[in-house]
Amino acid sequence: MSEKNQGFAFEKSLSELESLVQQMESGDLTLEQSLKAFEKGVKLTRECQQALSQAEQTVQQLLDNNGQLETRPFEPSEGE
């Protein structure tokens, strides 16, 4: 999947997850509907976490090394 498609899939999944949360918080769903929404929410959360993990692995830092640019994998700081 291309980076653009991954970004779109992430945004779509996140939007759908936010919508599910709003529906569940409204209290208008039956127990069965709530359980189905929860199950779908867990699936969407996993998809979003996987997409974020893949994105983190592909982020690279550009470094200036004696006038030449080089890349290296992104390494988050201790606090992140």
C-alpha atoms as a PDB file:
ATOM      1  CA  MET A   1       0.000   0.000   0.000  1.00  0.00           C
ATOM      2  CA  SER A   2       1.393   3.408  -0.904  1.00  0.00           C
ATOM      3  CA  GLU A   3       2.123   6.018   1.760  1.00  0.00           C
ATOM      4  CA  LYS A   4      -0.778   8.130   0.478  1.00  0.00           C
ATOM      5  CA  ASN A   5      -3.192   5.185   0.732  1.00  0.00           C
ATOM      6  CA  GLN A   6      -1.876   4.318   4.206  1.00  0.00           C
ATOM      7  CA  GLY A   7      -2.490   7.891   5.323  1.00  0.00           C
ATOM      8  CA  PHE A   8      -5.990   7.834   3.864  1.00  0.00           C
ATOM      9  CA  ALA A   9      -6.754   4.469   5.464  1.00  0.00           C
ATOM     10  CA  PHE A  10      -5.510   5.769   8.819  1.00  0.00           C
ATOM     11  CA  GLU A  11      -7.593   8.941   8.578  1.00  0.00           C
ATOM     12  CA  LYS A  12     -10.669   6.949   7.544  1.00  0.00           C
ATOM     13  CA  SER A  13     -10.224   4.446  10.375  1.00  0.00           C
ATOM     14  CA  LEU A  14      -9.638   7.208  12.917  1.00  0.00           C
ATOM     15  CA  SER A  15     -12.713   9.110  11.741  1.00  0.00           C
ATOM     16  CA  GLU A  16     -14.822   5.966  11.931  1.00  0.00           C
ATOM     17  CA  LEU A  17     -13.470   5.239  15.410  1.00  0.00           C
ATOM     18  CA  GLU A  18     -14.347   8.752  16.588  1.00  0.00           C
ATOM     19  CA  SER A  19     -17.858   8.318  15.191  1.00  0.00           C
ATOM     20  CA  LEU A  20     -18.269   5.009  17.030  1.00  0.00           C
ATOM     21  CA  VAL A  21     -17.147   6.606  20.291  1.00  0.00           C
ATOM     22  CA  GLN A  22     -19.699   9.395  19.876  1.00  0.00           C
ATOM     23  CA  GLN A  23     -22.463   6.871  19.188  1.00  0.00           C
ATOM     24  CA  MET A  24     -21.532   4.819  22.228  1.00  0.00           C
ATOM     25  CA  GLU A  25     -21.274   7.883  24.466  1.00  0.00           C
ATOM     26  CA  SER A  26     -24.719   9.068  23.367  1.00  0.00           C
ATOM     27  CA  GLY A  27     -26.328   6.123  25.129  1.00  0.00           C
ATOM     28  CA  ASP A  28     -28.768   5.607  22.251  1.00  0.00           C
ATOM     29  CA  LEU A  29     -27.439   2.173  21.240  1.00  0.00           C
ATOM     30  CA  THR A  30     -28.914  -1.100  22.392  1.00  0.00           C
ATOM     31  CA  LEU A  31     -26.681  -3.519  24.254  1.00  0.00           C
ATOM     32  CA  GLU A  32     -26.202  -5.581  21.090  1.00  0.00           C
ATOM     33  CA  GLN A  33     -25.373  -2.487  19.035  1.00  0.00           C
ATOM     34  CA  SER A  34     -22.958  -1.328  21.726  1.00  0.00           C
ATOM     35  CA  LEU A  35     -21.157  -4.673  21.721  1.00  0.00           C
ATOM     36  CA  LYS A  36     -20.846  -4.627  17.927  1.00  0.00           C
ATOM     37  CA  ALA A  37     -19.613  -1.028  18.031  1.00  0.00           C
ATOM     38  CA  PHE A  38     -17.089  -1.935  20.737  1.00  0.00           C
ATOM     39  CA  GLU A  39     -15.816  -4.896  18.715  1.00  0.00           C
ATOM     40  CA  LYS A  40     -15.451  -2.732  15.618  1.00  0.00           C
ATOM     41  CA  GLY A  41     -13.765  -0.030  17.707  1.00  0.00           C
ATOM     42  CA  VAL A  42     -11.168  -2.484  18.982  1.00  0.00           C
ATOM     43  CA  LYS A  43     -10.450  -3.565  15.396  1.00  0.00           C
ATOM     44  CA  LEU A  44     -10.145   0.052  14.224  1.00  0.00           C
ATOM     45  CA  THR A  45      -7.881   0.898  17.168  1.00  0.00           C
ATOM     46  CA  ARG A  46      -5.555  -1.955  16.235  1.00  0.00           C
ATOM     47  CA  GLU A  47      -5.512  -0.824  12.600  1.00  0.00           C
ATOM     48  CA  CYS A  48      -4.651   2.734  13.650  1.00  0.00           C
ATOM     49  CA  GLN A  49      -1.925   1.546  16.028  1.00  0.00           C
ATOM     50  CA  GLN A  50      -0.427  -0.624  13.290  1.00  0.00           C
ATOM     51  CA  ALA A  51      -0.468   2.266  10.806  1.00  0.00           C
ATOM     52  CA  LEU A  52       1.216   4.555  13.339  1.00  0.00           C
ATOM     53  CA  SER A  53       3.834   1.918  14.077  1.00  0.00           C
ATOM     54  CA  GLN A  54       4.588   1.508  10.370  1.00  0.00           C
ATOM     55  CA  ALA A  55       4.779   5.268   9.916  1.00  0.00           C
ATOM     56  CA  GLU A  56       7.172   5.605  12.838  1.00  0.00           C
ATOM     57  CA  GLN A  57       9.430   2.970  11.310  1.00  0.00           C
ATOM     58  CA  THR A  58       9.602   4.832   8.007  1.00  0.00           C
ATOM     59  CA  VAL A  59      10.202   8.331   9.388  1.00  0.00           C
ATOM     60  CA  GLN A  60      13.730   9.396   8.714  1.00  0.00           C
ATOM     61  CA  GLN A  61      15.784  12.288   9.904  1.00  0.00           C
ATOM     62  CA  LEU A  62      17.864  14.338   7.533  1.00  0.00           C
ATOM     63  CA  LEU A  63      21.230  15.152   8.965  1.00  0.00           C
ATOM     64  CA  ASP A  64      23.800  17.601   7.740  1.00  0.00           C
ATOM     65  CA  ASN A  65      27.093  15.714   7.627  1.00  0.00           C
ATOM     66  CA  ASN A  66      29.850  17.981   6.296  1.00  0.00           C
ATOM     67  CA  GLY A  67      27.540  19.527   3.724  1.00  0.00           C
ATOM     68  CA  GLN A  68      26.042  16.216   2.624  1.00  0.00           C
ATOM     69  CA  LEU A  69      22.630  14.992   3.597  1.00  0.00           C
ATOM     70  CA  GLU A  70      22.224  11.493   4.901  1.00  0.00           C
ATOM     71  CA  THR A  71      19.258   9.680   6.345  1.00  0.00           C
ATOM     72  CA  ARG A  72      18.931   7.417   9.327  1.00  0.00           C
ATOM     73  CA  PRO A  73      15.935   5.749  10.950  1.00  0.00           C
ATOM     74  CA  PHE A  74      13.919   7.884  13.341  1.00  0.00           C
ATOM     75  CA  GLU A  75      14.764   7.221  16.974  1.00  0.00           C
ATOM     76  CA  PRO A  76      12.295   8.727  19.456  1.00  0.00           C
ATOM     77  CA  SER A  77      13.687  10.405  22.545  1.00  0.00           C
ATOM     78  CA  GLU A  78      13.259   8.797  25.955  1.00  0.00           C
ATOM     79  CA  GLY A  79      10.166  10.871  26.777  1.00  0.00           C
ATOM     80  CA  GLU A  80       8.179   9.804  23.688  1.00  0.00           C
END
